[in-house]
PDB file of N, CA and C in Angstrom:
ATOM      1  N   UNK A   1     -23.399  -9.317  14.506  1.00  0.00           N
ATOM      2  CA  UNK A   1     -23.435  -9.642  13.063  1.00  0.00           C
ATOM      3  C   UNK A   1     -22.616 -11.189  13.118  1.00  0.00           C
ATOM      4  N   UNK A   2     -21.632 -11.226  13.829  1.00  0.00           N
ATOM      5  CA  UNK A   2     -20.845 -13.006  13.995  1.00  0.00           C
ATOM      6  C   UNK A   2     -21.900 -13.617  14.539  1.00  0.00           C
ATOM      7  N   UNK A   3     -22.311 -13.737  15.948  1.00  0.00           N
ATOM      8  CA  UNK A   3     -23.417 -14.389  16.534  1.00  0.00           C
ATOM      9  C   UNK A   3     -24.443 -14.677  15.543  1.00  0.00           C
ATOM     10  N   UNK A   4     -25.397 -13.439  14.801  1.00  0.00           N
ATOM     11  CA  UNK A   4     -26.371 -13.743  14.028  1.00  0.00           C
ATOM     12  C   UNK A   4     -26.161 -14.694  12.718  1.00  0.00           C
ATOM     13  N   UNK A   5     -24.976 -15.124  12.460  1.00  0.00           N
ATOM     14  CA  UNK A   5     -24.433 -16.119  10.993  1.00  0.00           C
ATOM     15  C   UNK A   5     -24.635 -17.354  11.906  1.00  0.00           C
ATOM     16  N   UNK A   6     -23.932 -17.577  13.232  1.00  0.00           N
ATOM     17  CA  UNK A   6     -23.650 -18.902  13.415  1.00  0.00           C
ATOM     18  C   UNK A   6     -24.862 -19.340  14.082  1.00  0.00           C
ATOM     19  N   UNK A   7     -25.842 -18.462  14.521  1.00  0.00           N
ATOM     20  CA  UNK A   7     -27.381 -18.758  15.071  1.00  0.00           C
ATOM     21  C   UNK A   7     -27.859 -19.632  14.079  1.00  0.00           C
ATOM     22  N   UNK A   8     -27.442 -18.884  12.520  1.00  0.00           N
ATOM     23  CA  UNK A   8     -28.258 -19.509  11.150  1.00  0.00           C
ATOM     24  C   UNK A   8     -27.882 -21.230  10.893  1.00  0.00           C
ATOM     25  N   UNK A   9     -26.627 -21.442  11.533  1.00  0.00           N
ATOM     26  CA  UNK A   9     -26.097 -22.393  11.181  1.00  0.00           C
ATOM     27  C   UNK A   9     -26.978 -23.916  11.182  1.00  0.00           C
ATOM     28  N   UNK A  10     -26.938 -24.613  10.313  1.00  0.00           N
ATOM     29  CA  UNK A  10     -27.892 -26.382  10.604  1.00  0.00           C
ATOM     30  C   UNK A  10     -27.157 -26.419  11.921  1.00  0.00           C
ATOM     31  N   UNK A  11     -27.484 -26.889  12.698  1.00  0.00           N
ATOM     32  CA  UNK A  11     -27.270 -27.900  13.482  1.00  0.00           C
ATOM     33  C   UNK A  11     -26.341 -29.555  13.281  1.00  0.00           C
ATOM     34  N   UNK A  12     -26.561 -29.601  11.938  1.00  0.00           N
ATOM     35  CA  UNK A  12     -24.920 -30.941  11.841  1.00  0.00           C
ATOM     36  C   UNK A  12     -23.768 -30.199  11.177  1.00  0.00           C
ATOM     37  N   UNK A  13     -23.532 -28.850  10.788  1.00  0.00           N
ATOM     38  CA  UNK A  13     -22.114 -28.265  10.718  1.00  0.00           C
ATOM     39  C   UNK A  13     -21.269 -28.601  12.093  1.00  0.00           C
ATOM     40  N   UNK A  14     -21.629 -28.663  13.519  1.00  0.00           N
ATOM     41  CA  UNK A  14     -20.574 -28.524  14.501  1.00  0.00           C
ATOM     42  C   UNK A  14     -21.436 -27.572  15.509  1.00  0.00           C
ATOM     43  N   UNK A  15     -20.402 -27.201  16.434  1.00  0.00           N
ATOM     44  CA  UNK A  15     -20.972 -26.782  17.770  1.00  0.00           C
ATOM     45  C   UNK A  15     -21.307 -25.119  17.714  1.00  0.00           C
ATOM     46  N   UNK A  16     -22.505 -25.599  17.727  1.00  0.00           N
ATOM     47  CA  UNK A  16     -22.959 -23.888  17.957  1.00  0.00           C
ATOM     48  C   UNK A  16     -23.123 -23.082  19.457  1.00  0.00           C
ATOM     49  N   UNK A  17     -22.220 -22.163  19.609  1.00  0.00           N
ATOM     50  CA  UNK A  17     -21.862 -21.816  21.185  1.00  0.00           C
ATOM     51  C   UNK A  17     -22.910 -21.421  21.446  1.00  0.00           C
ATOM     52  N   UNK A  18     -23.976 -20.419  20.684  1.00  0.00           N
ATOM     53  CA  UNK A  18     -25.211 -20.013  21.378  1.00  0.00           C
ATOM     54  C   UNK A  18     -26.057 -20.996  21.881  1.00  0.00           C
ATOM     55  N   UNK A  19     -26.362 -22.483  21.704  1.00  0.00           N
ATOM     56  CA  UNK A  19     -27.230 -23.277  21.801  1.00  0.00           C
ATOM     57  C   UNK A  19     -26.835 -24.319  23.020  1.00  0.00           C
ATOM     58  N   UNK A  20     -25.376 -24.015  23.196  1.00  0.00           N
ATOM     59  CA  UNK A  20     -24.232 -25.040  24.199  1.00  0.00           C
ATOM     60  C   UNK A  20     -24.519 -24.640  25.851  1.00  0.00           C
ATOM     61  N   UNK A  21     -25.243 -25.971  26.434  1.00  0.00           N
ATOM     62  CA  UNK A  21     -25.731 -25.865  27.059  1.00  0.00           C
ATOM     63  C   UNK A  21     -24.768 -25.641  28.122  1.00  0.00           C
ATOM     64  N   UNK A  22     -23.351 -25.600  28.260  1.00  0.00           N
ATOM     65  CA  UNK A  22     -22.333 -25.984  28.950  1.00  0.00           C
ATOM     66  C   UNK A  22     -21.840 -24.160  29.204  1.00  0.00           C
ATOM     67  N   UNK A  23     -22.709 -23.332  27.894  1.00  0.00           N
ATOM     68  CA  UNK A  23     -21.783 -22.050  27.963  1.00  0.00           C
ATOM     69  C   UNK A  23     -22.946 -21.204  28.947  1.00  0.00           C
ATOM     70  N   UNK A  24     -22.599 -20.962  29.766  1.00  0.00           N
ATOM     71  CA  UNK A  24     -23.463 -19.659  30.545  1.00  0.00           C
ATOM     72  C   UNK A  24     -23.789 -18.502  29.120  1.00  0.00           C
ATOM     73  N   UNK A  25     -25.058 -18.383  29.268  1.00  0.00           N
ATOM     74  CA  UNK A  25     -25.462 -16.585  28.613  1.00  0.00           C
ATOM     75  C   UNK A  25     -25.100 -15.721  29.158  1.00  0.00           C
ATOM     76  N   UNK A  26     -24.104 -14.612  28.730  1.00  0.00           N
ATOM     77  CA  UNK A  26     -23.717 -13.422  29.246  1.00  0.00           C
ATOM     78  C   UNK A  26     -24.990 -12.436  29.283  1.00  0.00           C
ATOM     79  N   UNK A  27     -24.637 -11.700  30.983  1.00  0.00           N
ATOM     80  CA  UNK A  27     -25.893 -11.190  31.115  1.00  0.00           C
ATOM     81  C   UNK A  27     -25.234  -9.765  30.995  1.00  0.00           C
ATOM     82  N   UNK A  28     -23.899  -9.389  31.424  1.00  0.00           N
ATOM     83  CA  UNK A  28     -23.702  -7.772  31.275  1.00  0.00           C
ATOM     84  C   UNK A  28     -24.439  -7.010  30.036  1.00  0.00           C
ATOM     85  N   UNK A  29     -24.174  -5.874  30.197  1.00  0.00           N
ATOM     86  CA  UNK A  29     -23.981  -4.897  29.363  1.00  0.00           C
ATOM     87  C   UNK A  29     -22.321  -4.813  28.377  1.00  0.00           C
ATOM     88  N   UNK A  30     -23.148  -5.499  26.881  1.00  0.00           N
ATOM     89  CA  UNK A  30     -21.794  -5.280  26.313  1.00  0.00           C
ATOM     90  C   UNK A  30     -21.303  -4.419  25.658  1.00  0.00           C
ATOM     91  N   UNK A  31     -21.745  -3.266  26.018  1.00  0.00           N
ATOM     92  CA  UNK A  31     -20.744  -1.887  25.520  1.00  0.00           C
ATOM     93  C   UNK A  31     -19.546  -2.001  26.565  1.00  0.00           C
ATOM     94  N   UNK A  32     -19.835  -2.525  28.237  1.00  0.00           N
ATOM     95  CA  UNK A  32     -18.762  -2.450  29.402  1.00  0.00           C
ATOM     96  C   UNK A  32     -17.837  -3.438  28.853  1.00  0.00           C
ATOM     97  N   UNK A  33     -17.684  -4.156  27.743  1.00  0.00           N
ATOM     98  CA  UNK A  33     -16.831  -5.226  27.728  1.00  0.00           C
ATOM     99  C   UNK A  33     -15.022  -4.558  27.551  1.00  0.00           C
ATOM    100  N   UNK A  34     -14.422  -4.730  28.632  1.00  0.00           N
ATOM    101  CA  UNK A  34     -12.907  -4.159  27.979  1.00  0.00           C
ATOM    102  C   UNK A  34     -11.789  -5.491  28.133  1.00  0.00           C
ATOM    103  N   UNK A  35     -10.988  -5.688  27.784  1.00  0.00           N
ATOM    104  CA  UNK A  35      -9.456  -6.443  27.483  1.00  0.00           C
ATOM    105  C   UNK A  35      -9.150  -7.005  28.431  1.00  0.00           C
ATOM    106  N   UNK A  36      -9.331  -5.750  29.594  1.00  0.00           N
ATOM    107  CA  UNK A  36      -8.619  -5.230  31.062  1.00  0.00           C
ATOM    108  C   UNK A  36      -7.216  -4.992  31.128  1.00  0.00           C
ATOM    109  N   UNK A  37      -6.593  -5.517  32.514  1.00  0.00           N
ATOM    110  CA  UNK A  37      -5.273  -4.829  32.406  1.00  0.00           C
ATOM    111  C   UNK A  37      -4.539  -6.280  31.820  1.00  0.00           C
ATOM    112  N   UNK A  38      -4.201  -7.324  31.330  1.00  0.00           N
ATOM    113  CA  UNK A  38      -3.912  -8.012  30.599  1.00  0.00           C
ATOM    114  C   UNK A  38      -3.702  -7.772  28.685  1.00  0.00           C
ATOM    115  N   UNK A  39      -5.171  -7.091  28.550  1.00  0.00           N
ATOM    116  CA  UNK A  39      -4.903  -6.748  27.116  1.00  0.00           C
ATOM    117  C   UNK A  39      -4.420  -4.620  26.799  1.00  0.00           C
ATOM    118  N   UNK A  40      -4.379  -4.433  28.409  1.00  0.00           N
ATOM    119  CA  UNK A  40      -3.856  -2.846  28.239  1.00  0.00           C
ATOM    120  C   UNK A  40      -2.299  -3.457  28.362  1.00  0.00           C
ATOM    121  N   UNK A  41      -1.477  -4.466  28.988  1.00  0.00           N
ATOM    122  CA  UNK A  41      -0.326  -4.598  29.129  1.00  0.00           C
ATOM    123  C   UNK A  41       0.279  -5.053  27.976  1.00  0.00           C
ATOM    124  N   UNK A  42      -0.235  -5.943  27.326  1.00  0.00           N
ATOM    125  CA  UNK A  42      -0.239  -6.761  26.402  1.00  0.00           C
ATOM    126  C   UNK A  42       0.276  -5.648  25.109  1.00  0.00           C
ATOM    127  N   UNK A  43      -0.852  -4.705  24.912  1.00  0.00           N
ATOM    128  CA  UNK A  43      -0.441  -3.508  23.702  1.00  0.00           C
ATOM    129  C   UNK A  43       0.625  -2.554  24.031  1.00  0.00           C
ATOM    130  N   UNK A  44       0.655  -2.586  25.512  1.00  0.00           N
ATOM    131  CA  UNK A  44       1.831  -1.457  26.350  1.00  0.00           C
ATOM    132  C   UNK A  44       3.276  -2.274  25.428  1.00  0.00           C
ATOM    133  N   UNK A  45       3.289  -3.292  25.772  1.00  0.00           N
ATOM    134  CA  UNK A  45       4.344  -4.141  25.604  1.00  0.00           C
ATOM    135  C   UNK A  45       4.894  -3.752  23.720  1.00  0.00           C
ATOM    136  N   UNK A  46       3.569  -3.948  23.249  1.00  0.00           N
ATOM    137  CA  UNK A  46       3.844  -4.331  21.826  1.00  0.00           C
ATOM    138  C   UNK A  46       4.023  -2.557  21.654  1.00  0.00           C
ATOM    139  N   UNK A  47       4.050  -1.134  22.102  1.00  0.00           N
ATOM    140  CA  UNK A  47       3.961   0.181  21.931  1.00  0.00           C
ATOM    141  C   UNK A  47       5.662  -0.117  21.783  1.00  0.00           C
ATOM    142  N   UNK A  48       6.195  -0.326  23.209  1.00  0.00           N
ATOM    143  CA  UNK A  48       7.107  -0.091  23.659  1.00  0.00           C
ATOM    144  C   UNK A  48       8.291  -0.881  23.125  1.00  0.00           C
ATOM    145  N   UNK A  49       7.679  -2.031  22.368  1.00  0.00           N
ATOM    146  CA  UNK A  49       8.720  -2.616  21.490  1.00  0.00           C
ATOM    147  C   UNK A  49       9.215  -2.114  20.291  1.00  0.00           C
ATOM    148  N   UNK A  50       8.145  -1.373  19.714  1.00  0.00           N
ATOM    149  CA  UNK A  50       7.968  -0.861  18.642  1.00  0.00           C
ATOM    150  C   UNK A  50       8.857  -0.084  18.867  1.00  0.00           C
ATOM    151  N   UNK A  51       8.617   0.944  20.140  1.00  0.00           N
ATOM    152  CA  UNK A  51       9.501   2.022  19.785  1.00  0.00           C
ATOM    153  C   UNK A  51      11.027   1.714  19.841  1.00  0.00           C
ATOM    154  N   UNK A  52      11.398   0.867  20.355  1.00  0.00           N
ATOM    155  CA  UNK A  52      12.573   0.115  20.690  1.00  0.00           C
ATOM    156  C   UNK A  52      13.210  -0.238  19.045  1.00  0.00           C
ATOM    157  N   UNK A  53      12.182  -0.894  18.335  1.00  0.00           N
ATOM    158  CA  UNK A  53      12.961  -1.583  17.518  1.00  0.00           C
ATOM    159  C   UNK A  53      13.414  -0.259  16.143  1.00  0.00           C
ATOM    160  N   UNK A  54      12.115   1.266  16.366  1.00  0.00           N
ATOM    161  CA  UNK A  54      11.836   2.743  15.514  1.00  0.00           C
ATOM    162  C   UNK A  54      13.164   2.710  15.769  1.00  0.00           C
ATOM    163  N   UNK A  55      13.891   2.762  16.909  1.00  0.00           N
ATOM    164  CA  UNK A  55      14.948   3.719  17.679  1.00  0.00           C
ATOM    165  C   UNK A  55      16.080   2.830  17.048  1.00  0.00           C
ATOM    166  N   UNK A  56      16.362   1.655  16.943  1.00  0.00           N
ATOM    167  CA  UNK A  56      17.314   0.541  16.999  1.00  0.00           C
ATOM    168  C   UNK A  56      17.757   1.056  14.845  1.00  0.00           C
ATOM    169  N   UNK A  57      16.546   0.840  14.384  1.00  0.00           N
ATOM    170  CA  UNK A  57      16.920   0.953  12.782  1.00  0.00           C
ATOM    171  C   UNK A  57      16.907   2.280  12.924  1.00  0.00           C
ATOM    172  N   UNK A  58      16.842   3.599  13.556  1.00  0.00           N
ATOM    173  CA  UNK A  58      17.371   5.031  12.777  1.00  0.00           C
ATOM    174  C   UNK A  58      18.572   4.627  12.702  1.00  0.00           C
ATOM    175  N   UNK A  59      19.343   4.295  14.225  1.00  0.00           N
ATOM    176  CA  UNK A  59      20.596   4.266  14.885  1.00  0.00           C
ATOM    177  C   UNK A  59      21.466   3.198  13.018  1.00  0.00           C
ATOM    178  N   UNK A  60      20.772   2.500  13.051  1.00  0.00           N
ATOM    179  CA  UNK A  60      21.535   1.668  12.238  1.00  0.00           C
ATOM    180  C   UNK A  60      21.761   2.594  10.672  1.00  0.00           C
ATOM    181  N   UNK A  61      20.533   2.947  10.493  1.00  0.00           N
ATOM    182  CA  UNK A  61      20.499   3.717   9.346  1.00  0.00           C
ATOM    183  C   UNK A  61      21.702   4.933   9.457  1.00  0.00           C
ATOM    184  N   UNK A  62      21.763   5.633  10.777  1.00  0.00           N
ATOM    185  CA  UNK A  62      22.543   6.644  10.678  1.00  0.00           C
ATOM    186  C   UNK A  62      23.602   6.119  11.045  1.00  0.00           C
ATOM    187  N   UNK A  63      24.169   4.794  11.107  1.00  0.00           N
ATOM    188  CA  UNK A  63      25.772   4.551  10.965  1.00  0.00           C
ATOM    189  C   UNK A  63      25.690   4.243   9.615  1.00  0.00           C
ATOM    190  N   UNK A  64      25.616   3.470   8.538  1.00  0.00           N
ATOM    191  CA  UNK A  64      25.466   3.351   7.172  1.00  0.00           C
ATOM    192  C   UNK A  64      25.919   4.823   6.857  1.00  0.00           C
ATOM    193  N   UNK A  65      25.124   5.819   7.073  1.00  0.00           N
ATOM    194  CA  UNK A  65      25.056   7.246   6.419  1.00  0.00           C
ATOM    195  C   UNK A  65      26.742   7.531   6.611  1.00  0.00           C
ATOM    196  N   UNK A  66      26.994   7.689   7.659  1.00  0.00           N
ATOM    197  CA  UNK A  66      28.071   8.290   8.730  1.00  0.00           C
ATOM    198  C   UNK A  66      29.243   7.375   7.733  1.00  0.00           C
ATOM    199  N   UNK A  67      29.423   6.063   7.813  1.00  0.00           N
ATOM    200  CA  UNK A  67      30.327   5.170   7.069  1.00  0.00           C
ATOM    201  C   UNK A  67      30.173   5.643   5.368  1.00  0.00           C
ATOM    202  N   UNK A  68      29.604   5.672   5.237  1.00  0.00           N
ATOM    203  CA  UNK A  68      29.697   6.141   3.392  1.00  0.00           C
ATOM    204  C   UNK A  68      30.225   7.923   3.399  1.00  0.00           C
ATOM    205  N   UNK A  69      29.861   8.532   3.966  1.00  0.00           N
ATOM    206  CA  UNK A  69      30.523   9.747   3.764  1.00  0.00           C
ATOM    207  C   UNK A  69      32.148  10.093   4.405  1.00  0.00           C
ATOM    208  N   UNK A  70      32.116   8.470   5.354  1.00  0.00           N
ATOM    209  CA  UNK A  70      33.599   8.897   5.801  1.00  0.00           C
ATOM    210  C   UNK A  70      34.316   8.193   4.579  1.00  0.00           C
ATOM    211  N   UNK A  71      33.915   7.544   3.783  1.00  0.00           N
ATOM    212  CA  UNK A  71      34.192   6.528   2.484  1.00  0.00           C
ATOM    213  C   UNK A  71      34.545   7.337   1.518  1.00  0.00           C
ATOM    214  N   UNK A  72      33.864   8.579   1.333  1.00  0.00           N
ATOM    215  CA  UNK A  72      33.640   9.498   0.171  1.00  0.00           C
ATOM    216  C   UNK A  72      35.418  10.240   0.572  1.00  0.00           C
ATOM    217  N   UNK A  73      35.053  10.580   1.920  1.00  0.00           N
ATOM    218  CA  UNK A  73      36.352  11.422   2.272  1.00  0.00           C
ATOM    219  C   UNK A  73      37.621  10.521   2.019  1.00  0.00           C
ATOM    220  N   UNK A  74      37.586   9.610   2.159  1.00  0.00           N
ATOM    221  CA  UNK A  74      38.816   9.099   2.184  1.00  0.00           C
ATOM    222  C   UNK A  74      39.207   8.628   0.783  1.00  0.00           C
ATOM    223  N   UNK A  75      38.339   8.756  -0.316  1.00  0.00           N
ATOM    224  CA  UNK A  75      38.224   8.535  -1.260  1.00  0.00           C
ATOM    225  C   UNK A  75      38.655  10.010  -2.138  1.00  0.00           C
ATOM    226  N   UNK A  76      38.416  11.222  -1.595  1.00  0.00           N
ATOM    227  CA  UNK A  76      38.831  12.402  -2.192  1.00  0.00           C
ATOM    228  C   UNK A  76      39.544  13.022  -1.638  1.00  0.00           C
ATOM    229  N   UNK A  77      40.480  12.373  -0.476  1.00  0.00           N
ATOM    230  CA  UNK A  77      41.560  12.560   0.075  1.00  0.00           C
ATOM    231  C   UNK A  77      42.276  11.831  -0.621  1.00  0.00           C
ATOM    232  N   UNK A  78      42.259  10.698  -0.879  1.00  0.00           N
ATOM    233  CA  UNK A  78      43.369   9.995  -1.696  1.00  0.00           C
ATOM    234  C   UNK A  78      43.645  10.394  -3.434  1.00  0.00           C
ATOM    235  N   UNK A  79      42.316  10.656  -3.670  1.00  0.00           N
ATOM    236  CA  UNK A  79      42.681  11.322  -5.259  1.00  0.00           C
ATOM    237  C   UNK A  79      42.799  12.666  -4.993  1.00  0.00           C
ATOM    238  N   UNK A  80      42.783  13.708  -3.755  1.00  0.00           N
ATOM    239  CA  UNK A  80      43.900  14.798  -4.162  1.00  0.00           C
ATOM    240  C   UNK A  80      45.145  14.879  -3.722  1.00  0.00           C
ATOM    241  N   UNK A  81      45.899  13.732  -2.961  1.00  0.00           N
ATOM    242  CA  UNK A  81      47.005  13.092  -2.712  1.00  0.00           C
ATOM    243  C   UNK A  81      47.313  12.595  -4.390  1.00  0.00           C
ATOM    244  N   UNK A  82      47.041  12.164  -4.947  1.00  0.00           N
ATOM    245  CA  UNK A  82      47.197  11.329  -6.066  1.00  0.00           C
ATOM    246  C   UNK A  82      47.310  12.369  -7.107  1.00  0.00           C
ATOM    247  N   UNK A  83      46.552  13.424  -7.442  1.00  0.00           N
ATOM    248  CA  UNK A  83      46.484  14.541  -8.146  1.00  0.00           C
ATOM    249  C   UNK A  83      48.238  15.649  -7.802  1.00  0.00           C
ATOM    250  N   UNK A  84      48.343  15.556  -6.286  1.00  0.00           N
ATOM    251  CA  UNK A  84      49.111  16.313  -5.963  1.00  0.00           C
ATOM    252  C   UNK A  84      50.641  15.870  -6.335  1.00  0.00           C
ATOM    253  N   UNK A  85      50.617  14.763  -6.606  1.00  0.00           N
ATOM    254  CA  UNK A  85      51.737  13.954  -6.623  1.00  0.00           C
ATOM    255  C   UNK A  85      51.930  14.135  -8.220  1.00  0.00           C
ATOM    256  N   UNK A  86      51.000  13.728  -9.388  1.00  0.00           N
ATOM    257  CA  UNK A  86      50.516  13.787 -10.813  1.00  0.00           C
ATOM    258  C   UNK A  86      51.533  15.319 -10.854  1.00  0.00           C
ATOM    259  N   UNK A  87      51.186  16.123  -9.982  1.00  0.00           N
ATOM    260  CA  UNK A  87      51.387  17.698 -10.541  1.00  0.00           C
ATOM    261  C   UNK A  87      52.955  17.983 -10.435  1.00  0.00           C
ATOM    262  N   UNK A  88      53.267  17.229  -9.036  1.00  0.00           N
ATOM    263  CA  UNK A  88      54.665  17.477  -8.585  1.00  0.00           C
ATOM    264  C   UNK A  88      55.438  17.015  -9.425  1.00  0.00           C
ATOM    265  N   UNK A  89      55.497  15.575 -10.141  1.00  0.00           N
ATOM    266  CA  UNK A  89      55.913  14.780 -10.738  1.00  0.00           C
ATOM    267  C   UNK A  89      56.492  15.976 -12.262  1.00  0.00           C
ATOM    268  N   UNK A  90      55.613  16.546 -12.398  1.00  0.00           N
ATOM    269  CA  UNK A  90      55.497  16.942 -13.837  1.00  0.00           C
ATOM    270  C   UNK A  90      54.748  16.461 -14.886  1.00  0.00           C
ATOM    271  N   UNK A  91      53.582  16.035 -14.555  1.00  0.00           N
ATOM    272  CA  UNK A  91      52.705  15.302 -15.666  1.00  0.00           C
ATOM    273  C   UNK A  91      51.644  16.209 -15.295  1.00  0.00           C
ATOM    274  N   UNK A  92      50.533  16.013 -16.633  1.00  0.00           N
ATOM    275  CA  UNK A  92      49.785  17.016 -17.006  1.00  0.00           C
ATOM    276  C   UNK A  92      48.466  16.245 -17.296  1.00  0.00           C
ATOM    277  N   UNK A  93      47.262  16.646 -16.424  1.00  0.00           N
ATOM    278  CA  UNK A  93      45.887  15.946 -16.995  1.00  0.00           C
ATOM    279  C   UNK A  93      45.644  16.227 -18.492  1.00  0.00           C
ATOM    280  N   UNK A  94      45.448  15.012 -18.933  1.00  0.00           N
ATOM    281  CA  UNK A  94      44.853  15.293 -20.420  1.00  0.00           C
ATOM    282  C   UNK A  94      43.251  15.315 -20.516  1.00  0.00           C
ATOM    283  N   UNK A  95      42.828  16.149 -20.924  1.00  0.00           N
ATOM    284  CA  UNK A  95      41.036  15.691 -20.885  1.00  0.00           C
ATOM    285  C   UNK A  95      40.512  14.717 -22.232  1.00  0.00           C
ATOM    286  N   UNK A  96      39.846  13.910 -22.470  1.00  0.00           N
ATOM    287  CA  UNK A  96      39.676  12.987 -23.103  1.00  0.00           C
ATOM    288  C   UNK A  96      38.697  13.819 -24.186  1.00  0.00           C
ATOM    289  N   UNK A  97      38.300  13.290 -24.899  1.00  0.00           N
ATOM    290  CA  UNK A  97      37.871  13.635 -25.928  1.00  0.00           C
ATOM    291  C   UNK A  97      36.117  14.076 -25.712  1.00  0.00           C
ATOM    292  N   UNK A  98      36.445  15.346 -25.581  1.00  0.00           N
ATOM    293  CA  UNK A  98      34.642  15.974 -25.213  1.00  0.00           C
ATOM    294  C   UNK A  98      34.589  15.969 -23.586  1.00  0.00           C
ATOM    295  N   UNK A  99      35.984  15.934 -22.983  1.00  0.00           N
ATOM    296  CA  UNK A  99      35.663  15.469 -21.315  1.00  0.00           C
ATOM    297  C   UNK A  99      36.016  16.763 -20.757  1.00  0.00           C
ATOM    298  N   UNK A 100      36.242  16.760 -19.462  1.00  0.00           N
ATOM    299  CA  UNK A 100      36.432  18.049 -18.753  1.00  0.00           C
ATOM    300  C   UNK A 100      37.684  17.491 -18.235  1.00  0.00           C
ATOM    301  N   UNK A 101      38.612  18.332 -17.499  1.00  0.00           N
ATOM    302  CA  UNK A 101      39.464  17.758 -17.195  1.00  0.00           C
ATOM    303  C   UNK A 101      38.921  17.649 -15.381  1.00  0.00           C
ATOM    304  N   UNK A 102      38.459  18.344 -14.734  1.00  0.00           N
ATOM    305  CA  UNK A 102      37.821  18.586 -13.580  1.00  0.00           C
ATOM    306  C   UNK A 102      36.783  17.662 -12.809  1.00  0.00           C
ATOM    307  N   UNK A 103      36.069  16.883 -14.490  1.00  0.00           N
ATOM    308  CA  UNK A 103      35.251  15.918 -13.644  1.00  0.00           C
ATOM    309  C   UNK A 103      36.273  14.608 -13.068  1.00  0.00           C
ATOM    310  N   UNK A 104      35.290  14.274 -12.148  1.00  0.00           N
ATOM    311  CA  UNK A 104      35.438  13.056 -11.214  1.00  0.00           C
ATOM    312  C   UNK A 104      35.508  11.821 -11.840  1.00  0.00           C
ATOM    313  N   UNK A 105      36.251  11.022 -11.813  1.00  0.00           N
ATOM    314  CA  UNK A 105      36.341   9.520 -12.191  1.00  0.00           C
ATOM    315  C   UNK A 105      35.048   9.025 -11.537  1.00  0.00           C
ATOM    316  N   UNK A 106      34.623   7.874 -12.038  1.00  0.00           N
ATOM    317  CA  UNK A 106      33.941   7.033 -11.303  1.00  0.00           C
ATOM    318  C   UNK A 106      34.179   6.414 -10.777  1.00  0.00           C
ATOM    319  N   UNK A 107      33.371   6.497  -9.114  1.00  0.00           N
ATOM    320  CA  UNK A 107      34.258   5.448  -8.077  1.00  0.00           C
ATOM    321  C   UNK A 107      33.621   4.230  -7.856  1.00  0.00           C
ATOM    322  N   UNK A 108      35.006   3.478  -7.866  1.00  0.00           N
ATOM    323  CA  UNK A 108      34.104   2.036  -7.936  1.00  0.00           C
ATOM    324  C   UNK A 108      34.028   1.703  -6.283  1.00  0.00           C
ATOM    325  N   UNK A 109      33.057   1.292  -6.001  1.00  0.00           N
ATOM    326  CA  UNK A 109      32.346   1.252  -4.250  1.00  0.00           C
ATOM    327  C   UNK A 109      33.110  -0.574  -3.922  1.00  0.00           C
ATOM    328  N   UNK A 110      32.904  -1.151  -5.082  1.00  0.00           N
ATOM    329  CA  UNK A 110      33.936  -2.319  -4.672  1.00  0.00           C
ATOM    330  C   UNK A 110      35.254  -2.852  -3.812  1.00  0.00           C
ATOM    331  N   UNK A 111      35.891  -1.473  -4.336  1.00  0.00           N
ATOM    332  CA  UNK A 111      37.492  -1.311  -4.231  1.00  0.00           C
ATOM    333  C   UNK A 111      37.602  -1.121  -2.923  1.00  0.00           C
ATOM    334  N   UNK A 112      38.530  -1.685  -2.434  1.00  0.00           N
ATOM    335  CA  UNK A 112      38.504  -1.608  -0.220  1.00  0.00           C
ATOM    336  C   UNK A 112      39.488  -0.274  -0.717  1.00  0.00           C
ATOM    337  N   UNK A 113      38.760   0.453   0.915  1.00  0.00           N
ATOM    338  CA  UNK A 113      39.321   1.480   0.603  1.00  0.00           C
ATOM    339  C   UNK A 113      41.040   1.684   1.885  1.00  0.00           C
ATOM    340  N   UNK A 114      41.784   1.885   0.854  1.00  0.00           N
ATOM    341  CA  UNK A 114      42.871   2.201   2.362  1.00  0.00           C
ATOM    342  C   UNK A 114      42.910   3.547   3.347  1.00  0.00           C
ATOM    343  N   UNK A 115      43.600   2.764   4.146  1.00  0.00           N
ATOM    344  CA  UNK A 115      43.226   3.651   5.420  1.00  0.00           C
ATOM    345  C   UNK A 115      44.770   3.885   6.308  1.00  0.00           C
ATOM    346  N   UNK A 116      44.994   4.843   6.413  1.00  0.00           N
ATOM    347  CA  UNK A 116      46.137   5.417   7.060  1.00  0.00           C
ATOM    348  C   UNK A 116      46.152   6.179   8.515  1.00  0.00           C
ATOM    349  N   UNK A 117      47.053   5.513   9.003  1.00  0.00           N
ATOM    350  CA  UNK A 117      46.958   5.458  11.149  1.00  0.00           C
ATOM    351  C   UNK A 117      48.006   6.085  11.121  1.00  0.00           C
ATOM    352  N   UNK A 118      48.516   7.402  11.462  1.00  0.00           N
ATOM    353  CA  UNK A 118      49.400   8.209  11.944  1.00  0.00           C
ATOM    354  C   UNK A 118      49.496   7.439  13.446  1.00  0.00           C
ATOM    355  N   UNK A 119      50.884   7.366  13.704  1.00  0.00           N
ATOM    356  CA  UNK A 119      51.241   6.640  15.091  1.00  0.00           C
ATOM    357  C   UNK A 119      52.485   7.328  15.512  1.00  0.00           C
ATOM    358  N   UNK A 120      52.723   8.345  16.651  1.00  0.00           N
ATOM    359  CA  UNK A 120      53.727   8.523  17.436  1.00  0.00           C
ATOM    360  C   UNK A 120      54.249   7.626  18.248  1.00  0.00           C
ATOM    361  N   UNK A 121      55.898   7.140  17.786  1.00  0.00           N
ATOM    362  CA  UNK A 121      56.187   6.207  18.475  1.00  0.00           C
ATOM    363  C   UNK A 121      57.594   6.835  19.344  1.00  0.00           C
TER     364      UNK A 121
END
């Protein structure tokens, strides 16, 4: 189709590859033309690179998810420790109007998470 469009171009619009005497005509079977070894290696390289990119992306997503789970566990431990201290000191939880005592407070993700490391010296 492409060559039929080019062959209908007027002579003054540019080079016409069909009528160019320097380009020899193709004398083979157009159905047997393949990209060859270079084309195979190019596609193979793209496929391998894609696999590496997908594996790396999955690893990074997993790491972010694990960090979020650890952050939630640390926050739950901190809240449990604070509730344990408040119940030992005699303070009582007071429910807000229409609220539930057991409802978890809204977490602020922008607050830094305290991390405690127990070291034996």
